Structure formats: structure tokens, C-alpha cells
Amino acid sequence: MTDFTNDTSMPRKRHMTASQREYYAYFAIIFVATLPLAVLTWTLTAVRQLALPSRGPVKSAWSQAQIITPRIFSA
């Protein structure tokens, strides 16, 4: 018979708390909301300068969501 009570090779499941789920939900909503504007801004900048901007639209929207979401939770 095998004893699995002290088996450390299996990773433990981590459960997200309610506040973490809420944070990720807000982050996803804000990211999806800022993505169209980031694409529009990126496109207009590329057309005006005839060169691609250094940051892509996804990275720009991601950084905006990283800025806005903690402000919601700190208020």
C-alpha cells in the first residue's frame, strides 16, 4: 500500500479569493474597453509618422488596464 499523505511532488491547487476574482474581472473589462481606442491611436500614429510605433496596441491597452484597475480598488 502506498502512502500519499506526504507526497510533495504533486503541486497544490491554489484557489483565488473573491477579491482576486473581482480584480481580474475588472481588469478584463477595462482591457477590452481600452483595446479599440488603443488600436485607433496606434493606427493614427502609424499613418501620421509613416512608421510603426514602438508599443503595439495590445501592450498599450494592457498598461492602461494596469494603471486604471488598481485605482478602482484603492478608492
PDB file of N, CA and C in Angstrom:
ATOM      1  N   MET A   1       0.840  -1.177   0.000  1.00  0.00           N
ATOM      2  CA  MET A   1       0.000   0.000   0.000  1.00  0.00           C
ATOM      3  C   MET A   1       0.886   1.241   0.000  1.00  0.00           C
ATOM      4  N   THR A   2       0.523   2.224  -0.786  1.00  0.00           N
ATOM      5  CA  THR A   2       1.308   3.440  -0.926  1.00  0.00           C
ATOM      6  C   THR A   2       0.715   4.544  -0.059  1.00  0.00           C
ATOM      7  N   ASP A   3       1.605   5.314   0.574  1.00  0.00           N
ATOM      8  CA  ASP A   3       1.179   6.431   1.418  1.00  0.00           C
ATOM      9  C   ASP A   3       1.340   7.725   0.622  1.00  0.00           C
ATOM     10  N   PHE A   4       0.227   8.387   0.307  1.00  0.00           N
ATOM     11  CA  PHE A   4       0.261   9.630  -0.460  1.00  0.00           C
ATOM     12  C   PHE A   4       0.119  10.877   0.432  1.00  0.00           C
ATOM     13  N   THR A   5       0.105  10.716   1.729  1.00  0.00           N
ATOM     14  CA  THR A   5      -0.107  11.862   2.603  1.00  0.00           C
ATOM     15  C   THR A   5       1.088  12.795   2.640  1.00  0.00           C
ATOM     16  N   ASN A   6       2.277  12.292   2.365  1.00  0.00           N
ATOM     17  CA  ASN A   6       3.479  13.116   2.399  1.00  0.00           C
ATOM     18  C   ASN A   6       4.079  13.315   1.021  1.00  0.00           C
ATOM     19  N   ASP A   7       3.286  13.170  -0.006  1.00  0.00           N
ATOM     20  CA  ASP A   7       3.784  13.311  -1.371  1.00  0.00           C
ATOM     21  C   ASP A   7       3.921  14.794  -1.696  1.00  0.00           C
ATOM     22  N   THR A   8       5.149  15.257  -1.832  1.00  0.00           N
ATOM     23  CA  THR A   8       5.395  16.670  -2.133  1.00  0.00           C
ATOM     24  C   THR A   8       5.608  16.915  -3.619  1.00  0.00           C
ATOM     25  N   SER A   9       5.570  15.884  -4.437  1.00  0.00           N
ATOM     26  CA  SER A   9       5.796  16.071  -5.863  1.00  0.00           C
ATOM     27  C   SER A   9       4.566  16.645  -6.566  1.00  0.00           C
ATOM     28  N   MET A  10       3.408  16.487  -5.980  1.00  0.00           N
ATOM     29  CA  MET A  10       2.180  17.000  -6.580  1.00  0.00           C
ATOM     30  C   MET A  10       2.016  18.475  -6.220  1.00  0.00           C
ATOM     31  N   PRO A  11       1.814  19.329  -7.208  1.00  0.00           N
ATOM     32  CA  PRO A  11       1.606  20.751  -6.886  1.00  0.00           C
ATOM     33  C   PRO A  11       0.259  20.945  -6.211  1.00  0.00           C
ATOM     34  N   ARG A  12       0.231  21.863  -5.285  1.00  0.00           N
ATOM     35  CA  ARG A  12      -1.016  22.161  -4.587  1.00  0.00           C
ATOM     36  C   ARG A  12      -1.849  23.112  -5.426  1.00  0.00           C
ATOM     37  N   LYS A  13      -3.142  22.917  -5.361  1.00  0.00           N
ATOM     38  CA  LYS A  13      -4.052  23.811  -6.069  1.00  0.00           C
ATOM     39  C   LYS A  13      -4.223  25.079  -5.249  1.00  0.00           C
ATOM     40  N   ARG A  14      -4.062  26.196  -5.910  1.00  0.00           N
ATOM     41  CA  ARG A  14      -4.286  27.467  -5.240  1.00  0.00           C
ATOM     42  C   ARG A  14      -5.631  28.011  -5.685  1.00  0.00           C
ATOM     43  N   HIS A  15      -6.420  28.371  -4.723  1.00  0.00           N
ATOM     44  CA  HIS A  15      -7.740  28.922  -5.022  1.00  0.00           C
ATOM     45  C   HIS A  15      -7.675  30.436  -4.937  1.00  0.00           C
ATOM     46  N   MET A  16      -8.318  31.076  -5.888  1.00  0.00           N
ATOM     47  CA  MET A  16      -8.353  32.532  -5.875  1.00  0.00           C
ATOM     48  C   MET A  16      -9.417  32.993  -4.885  1.00  0.00           C
ATOM     49  N   THR A  17      -9.104  34.067  -4.204  1.00  0.00           N
ATOM     50  CA  THR A  17     -10.083  34.645  -3.300  1.00  0.00           C
ATOM     51  C   THR A  17     -11.086  35.460  -4.105  1.00  0.00           C
ATOM     52  N   ALA A  18     -12.128  35.871  -3.446  1.00  0.00           N
ATOM     53  CA  ALA A  18     -13.168  36.645  -4.128  1.00  0.00           C
ATOM     54  C   ALA A  18     -12.624  37.973  -4.628  1.00  0.00           C
ATOM     55  N   SER A  19     -11.742  38.600  -3.846  1.00  0.00           N
ATOM     56  CA  SER A  19     -11.204  39.891  -4.273  1.00  0.00           C
ATOM     57  C   SER A  19     -10.282  39.734  -5.487  1.00  0.00           C
ATOM     58  N   GLN A  20      -9.553  38.617  -5.562  1.00  0.00           N
ATOM     59  CA  GLN A  20      -8.701  38.381  -6.737  1.00  0.00           C
ATOM     60  C   GLN A  20      -9.552  38.155  -7.976  1.00  0.00           C
ATOM     61  N   ARG A  21     -10.621  37.400  -7.835  1.00  0.00           N
ATOM     62  CA  ARG A  21     -11.516  37.179  -8.981  1.00  0.00           C
ATOM     63  C   ARG A  21     -12.142  38.489  -9.434  1.00  0.00           C
ATOM     64  N   GLU A  22     -12.522  39.321  -8.466  1.00  0.00           N
ATOM     65  CA  GLU A  22     -13.109  40.607  -8.809  1.00  0.00           C
ATOM     66  C   GLU A  22     -12.089  41.507  -9.510  1.00  0.00           C
ATOM     67  N   TYR A  23     -10.844  41.493  -9.028  1.00  0.00           N
ATOM     68  CA  TYR A  23      -9.792  42.295  -9.651  1.00  0.00           C
ATOM     69  C   TYR A  23      -9.576  41.858 -11.101  1.00  0.00           C
ATOM     70  N   TYR A  24      -9.471  40.541 -11.330  1.00  0.00           N
ATOM     71  CA  TYR A  24      -9.252  40.047 -12.686  1.00  0.00           C
ATOM     72  C   TYR A  24     -10.459  40.318 -13.583  1.00  0.00           C
ATOM     73  N   ALA A  25     -11.641  40.294 -13.027  1.00  0.00           N
ATOM     74  CA  ALA A  25     -12.832  40.602 -13.825  1.00  0.00           C
ATOM     75  C   ALA A  25     -12.815  42.070 -14.259  1.00  0.00           C
ATOM     76  N   TYR A  26     -12.521  42.967 -13.320  1.00  0.00           N
ATOM     77  CA  TYR A  26     -12.421  44.388 -13.663  1.00  0.00           C
ATOM     78  C   TYR A  26     -11.287  44.623 -14.652  1.00  0.00           C
ATOM     79  N   PHE A  27     -10.155  43.953 -14.444  1.00  0.00           N
ATOM     80  CA  PHE A  27      -9.020  44.110 -15.348  1.00  0.00           C
ATOM     81  C   PHE A  27      -9.419  43.712 -16.771  1.00  0.00           C
ATOM     82  N   ALA A  28     -10.108  42.579 -16.902  1.00  0.00           N
ATOM     83  CA  ALA A  28     -10.520  42.102 -18.229  1.00  0.00           C
ATOM     84  C   ALA A  28     -11.492  43.074 -18.890  1.00  0.00           C
ATOM     85  N   ILE A  29     -12.434  43.595 -18.124  1.00  0.00           N
ATOM     86  CA  ILE A  29     -13.410  44.537 -18.679  1.00  0.00           C
ATOM     87  C   ILE A  29     -12.718  45.818 -19.140  1.00  0.00           C
ATOM     88  N   ILE A  30     -11.818  46.329 -18.326  1.00  0.00           N
ATOM     89  CA  ILE A  30     -11.109  47.561 -18.683  1.00  0.00           C
ATOM     90  C   ILE A  30     -10.194  47.328 -19.876  1.00  0.00           C
ATOM     91  N   PHE A  31      -9.528  46.170 -19.920  1.00  0.00           N
ATOM     92  CA  PHE A  31      -8.650  45.850 -21.046  1.00  0.00           C
ATOM     93  C   PHE A  31      -9.443  45.805 -22.347  1.00  0.00           C
ATOM     94  N   VAL A  32     -10.579  45.131 -22.332  1.00  0.00           N
ATOM     95  CA  VAL A  32     -11.411  45.025 -23.535  1.00  0.00           C
ATOM     96  C   VAL A  32     -11.963  46.401 -23.928  1.00  0.00           C
ATOM     97  N   ALA A  33     -12.257  47.241 -22.942  1.00  0.00           N
ATOM     98  CA  ALA A  33     -12.788  48.567 -23.241  1.00  0.00           C
ATOM     99  C   ALA A  33     -11.719  49.491 -23.821  1.00  0.00           C
ATOM    100  N   THR A  34     -10.472  49.357 -23.379  1.00  0.00           N
ATOM    101  CA  THR A  34      -9.419  50.250 -23.866  1.00  0.00           C
ATOM    102  C   THR A  34      -8.770  49.754 -25.157  1.00  0.00           C
ATOM    103  N   LEU A  35      -8.989  48.519 -25.511  1.00  0.00           N
ATOM    104  CA  LEU A  35      -8.347  47.956 -26.707  1.00  0.00           C
ATOM    105  C   LEU A  35      -8.752  48.660 -28.013  1.00  0.00           C
ATOM    106  N   PRO A  36     -10.031  48.929 -28.274  1.00  0.00           N
ATOM    107  CA  PRO A  36     -10.366  49.626 -29.533  1.00  0.00           C
ATOM    108  C   PRO A  36      -9.740  51.015 -29.637  1.00  0.00           C
ATOM    109  N   LEU A  37      -9.725  51.754 -28.541  1.00  0.00           N
ATOM    110  CA  LEU A  37      -9.110  53.075 -28.563  1.00  0.00           C
ATOM    111  C   LEU A  37      -7.596  52.975 -28.774  1.00  0.00           C
ATOM    112  N   ALA A  38      -6.977  51.968 -28.182  1.00  0.00           N
ATOM    113  CA  ALA A  38      -5.537  51.775 -28.371  1.00  0.00           C
ATOM    114  C   ALA A  38      -5.219  51.414 -29.825  1.00  0.00           C
ATOM    115  N   VAL A  39      -6.072  50.613 -30.441  1.00  0.00           N
ATOM    116  CA  VAL A  39      -5.872  50.257 -31.856  1.00  0.00           C
ATOM    117  C   VAL A  39      -6.032  51.497 -32.733  1.00  0.00           C
ATOM    118  N   LEU A  40      -7.035  52.307 -32.446  1.00  0.00           N
ATOM    119  CA  LEU A  40      -7.249  53.533 -33.209  1.00  0.00           C
ATOM    120  C   LEU A  40      -6.070  54.486 -33.050  1.00  0.00           C
ATOM    121  N   THR A  41      -5.601  54.676 -31.836  1.00  0.00           N
ATOM    122  CA  THR A  41      -4.460  55.563 -31.587  1.00  0.00           C
ATOM    123  C   THR A  41      -3.206  55.048 -32.274  1.00  0.00           C
ATOM    124  N   TRP A  42      -2.989  53.751 -32.196  1.00  0.00           N
ATOM    125  CA  TRP A  42      -1.816  53.139 -32.827  1.00  0.00           C
ATOM    126  C   TRP A  42      -1.872  53.315 -34.348  1.00  0.00           C
ATOM    127  N   THR A  43      -3.057  53.117 -34.936  1.00  0.00           N
ATOM    128  CA  THR A  43      -3.217  53.256 -36.376  1.00  0.00           C
ATOM    129  C   THR A  43      -2.991  54.702 -36.829  1.00  0.00           C
ATOM    130  N   LEU A  44      -3.569  55.639 -36.106  1.00  0.00           N
ATOM    131  CA  LEU A  44      -3.397  57.050 -36.476  1.00  0.00           C
ATOM    132  C   LEU A  44      -1.939  57.489 -36.346  1.00  0.00           C
ATOM    133  N   THR A  45      -1.258  57.017 -35.317  1.00  0.00           N
ATOM    134  CA  THR A  45       0.159  57.352 -35.153  1.00  0.00           C
ATOM    135  C   THR A  45       0.990  56.749 -36.271  1.00  0.00           C
ATOM    136  N   ALA A  46       0.680  55.525 -36.660  1.00  0.00           N
ATOM    137  CA  ALA A  46       1.421  54.873 -37.748  1.00  0.00           C
ATOM    138  C   ALA A  46       1.197  55.588 -39.076  1.00  0.00           C
ATOM    139  N   VAL A  47      -0.027  56.043 -39.311  1.00  0.00           N
ATOM    140  CA  VAL A  47      -0.329  56.746 -40.566  1.00  0.00           C
ATOM    141  C   VAL A  47       0.345  58.119 -40.596  1.00  0.00           C
ATOM    142  N   ARG A  48       0.317  58.834 -39.487  1.00  0.00           N
ATOM    143  CA  ARG A  48       0.920  60.175 -39.449  1.00  0.00           C
ATOM    144  C   ARG A  48       2.434  60.135 -39.572  1.00  0.00           C
ATOM    145  N   GLN A  49       3.077  59.191 -38.895  1.00  0.00           N
ATOM    146  CA  GLN A  49       4.540  59.153 -38.877  1.00  0.00           C
ATOM    147  C   GLN A  49       5.127  58.231 -39.945  1.00  0.00           C
ATOM    148  N   LEU A  50       4.279  57.497 -40.644  1.00  0.00           N
ATOM    149  CA  LEU A  50       4.703  56.524 -41.659  1.00  0.00           C
ATOM    150  C   LEU A  50       5.710  55.515 -41.097  1.00  0.00           C
ATOM    151  N   ALA A  51       5.535  55.174 -39.840  1.00  0.00           N
ATOM    152  CA  ALA A  51       6.360  54.165 -39.174  1.00  0.00           C
ATOM    153  C   ALA A  51       5.541  53.565 -38.043  1.00  0.00           C
ATOM    154  N   LEU A  52       5.856  52.329 -37.702  1.00  0.00           N
ATOM    155  CA  LEU A  52       5.123  51.676 -36.627  1.00  0.00           C
ATOM    156  C   LEU A  52       5.598  52.187 -35.268  1.00  0.00           C
ATOM    157  N   PRO A  53       4.665  52.496 -34.375  1.00  0.00           N
ATOM    158  CA  PRO A  53       5.053  52.920 -33.029  1.00  0.00           C
ATOM    159  C   PRO A  53       5.772  51.792 -32.285  1.00  0.00           C
ATOM    160  N   SER A  54       6.550  52.165 -31.280  1.00  0.00           N
ATOM    161  CA  SER A  54       7.352  51.167 -30.560  1.00  0.00           C
ATOM    162  C   SER A  54       6.480  50.211 -29.750  1.00  0.00           C
ATOM    163  N   ARG A  55       5.394  50.709 -29.183  1.00  0.00           N
ATOM    164  CA  ARG A  55       4.487  49.840 -28.429  1.00  0.00           C
ATOM    165  C   ARG A  55       3.281  49.504 -29.289  1.00  0.00           C
ATOM    166  N   GLY A  56       2.892  48.252 -29.257  1.00  0.00           N
ATOM    167  CA  GLY A  56       1.720  47.833 -30.002  1.00  0.00           C
ATOM    168  C   GLY A  56       0.439  48.196 -29.272  1.00  0.00           C
ATOM    169  N   PRO A  57      -0.692  48.021 -29.930  1.00  0.00           N
ATOM    170  CA  PRO A  57      -1.961  48.393 -29.306  1.00  0.00           C
ATOM    171  C   PRO A  57      -2.331  47.512 -28.117  1.00  0.00           C
ATOM    172  N   VAL A  58      -1.963  46.245 -28.160  1.00  0.00           N
ATOM    173  CA  VAL A  58      -2.284  45.343 -27.047  1.00  0.00           C
ATOM    174  C   VAL A  58      -1.476  45.729 -25.812  1.00  0.00           C
ATOM    175  N   LYS A  59      -0.208  46.017 -26.007  1.00  0.00           N
ATOM    176  CA  LYS A  59       0.636  46.416 -24.877  1.00  0.00           C
ATOM    177  C   LYS A  59       0.160  47.737 -24.291  1.00  0.00           C
ATOM    178  N   SER A  60      -0.271  48.638 -25.129  1.00  0.00           N
ATOM    179  CA  SER A  60      -0.782  49.918 -24.661  1.00  0.00           C
ATOM    180  C   SER A  60      -2.068  49.734 -23.857  1.00  0.00           C
ATOM    181  N   ALA A  61      -2.988  48.919 -24.355  1.00  0.00           N
ATOM    182  CA  ALA A  61      -4.242  48.659 -23.636  1.00  0.00           C
ATOM    183  C   ALA A  61      -3.965  47.929 -22.323  1.00  0.00           C
ATOM    184  N   TRP A  62      -3.001  47.009 -22.337  1.00  0.00           N
ATOM    185  CA  TRP A  62      -2.644  46.258 -21.131  1.00  0.00           C
ATOM    186  C   TRP A  62      -2.106  47.211 -20.061  1.00  0.00           C
ATOM    187  N   SER A  63      -1.237  48.136 -20.472  1.00  0.00           N
ATOM    188  CA  SER A  63      -0.669  49.065 -19.497  1.00  0.00           C
ATOM    189  C   SER A  63      -1.740  50.016 -18.955  1.00  0.00           C
ATOM    190  N   GLN A  64      -2.682  50.418 -19.791  1.00  0.00           N
ATOM    191  CA  GLN A  64      -3.775  51.268 -19.318  1.00  0.00           C
ATOM    192  C   GLN A  64      -4.628  50.521 -18.293  1.00  0.00           C
ATOM    193  N   ALA A  65      -4.899  49.245 -18.555  1.00  0.00           N
ATOM    194  CA  ALA A  65      -5.676  48.446 -17.607  1.00  0.00           C
ATOM    195  C   ALA A  65      -4.907  48.261 -16.301  1.00  0.00           C
ATOM    196  N   GLN A  66      -3.582  48.139 -16.389  1.00  0.00           N
ATOM    197  CA  GLN A  66      -2.768  48.012 -15.175  1.00  0.00           C
ATOM    198  C   GLN A  66      -2.758  49.301 -14.364  1.00  0.00           C
ATOM    199  N   ILE A  67      -2.949  50.424 -15.009  1.00  0.00           N
ATOM    200  CA  ILE A  67      -2.989  51.712 -14.311  1.00  0.00           C
ATOM    201  C   ILE A  67      -4.368  51.955 -13.701  1.00  0.00           C
ATOM    202  N   ILE A  68      -5.417  51.670 -14.455  1.00  0.00           N
ATOM    203  CA  ILE A  68      -6.773  52.018 -14.037  1.00  0.00           C
ATOM    204  C   ILE A  68      -7.314  51.074 -12.967  1.00  0.00           C
ATOM    205  N   THR A  69      -7.103  49.782 -13.103  1.00  0.00           N
ATOM    206  CA  THR A  69      -7.696  48.807 -12.189  1.00  0.00           C
ATOM    207  C   THR A  69      -7.279  49.007 -10.731  1.00  0.00           C
ATOM    208  N   PRO A  70      -5.996  49.189 -10.416  1.00  0.00           N
ATOM    209  CA  PRO A  70      -5.665  49.422  -9.002  1.00  0.00           C
ATOM    210  C   PRO A  70      -6.280  50.705  -8.446  1.00  0.00           C
ATOM    211  N   ARG A  71      -6.480  51.690  -9.297  1.00  0.00           N
ATOM    212  CA  ARG A  71      -7.112  52.932  -8.823  1.00  0.00           C
ATOM    213  C   ARG A  71      -8.559  52.683  -8.391  1.00  0.00           C
ATOM    214  N   ILE A  72      -9.231  51.794  -9.070  1.00  0.00           N
ATOM    215  CA  ILE A  72     -10.607  51.448  -8.690  1.00  0.00           C
ATOM    216  C   ILE A  72     -10.610  50.775  -7.314  1.00  0.00           C
ATOM    217  N   PHE A  73      -9.653  49.870  -7.090  1.00  0.00           N
ATOM    218  CA  PHE A  73      -9.635  49.125  -5.844  1.00  0.00           C
ATOM    219  C   PHE A  73      -9.065  49.924  -4.684  1.00  0.00           C
ATOM    220  N   SER A  74      -8.325  50.975  -4.949  1.00  0.00           N
ATOM    221  CA  SER A  74      -7.790  51.794  -3.856  1.00  0.00           C
ATOM    222  C   SER A  74      -8.800  52.850  -3.400  1.00  0.00           C
ATOM    223  N   ALA A  75      -9.814  53.085  -4.200  1.00  0.00           N
ATOM    224  CA  ALA A  75     -10.804  54.108  -3.848  1.00  0.00           C
ATOM    225  C   ALA A  75     -11.801  53.596  -2.828  1.00  0.00           C
TER     226      ALA A  75
END
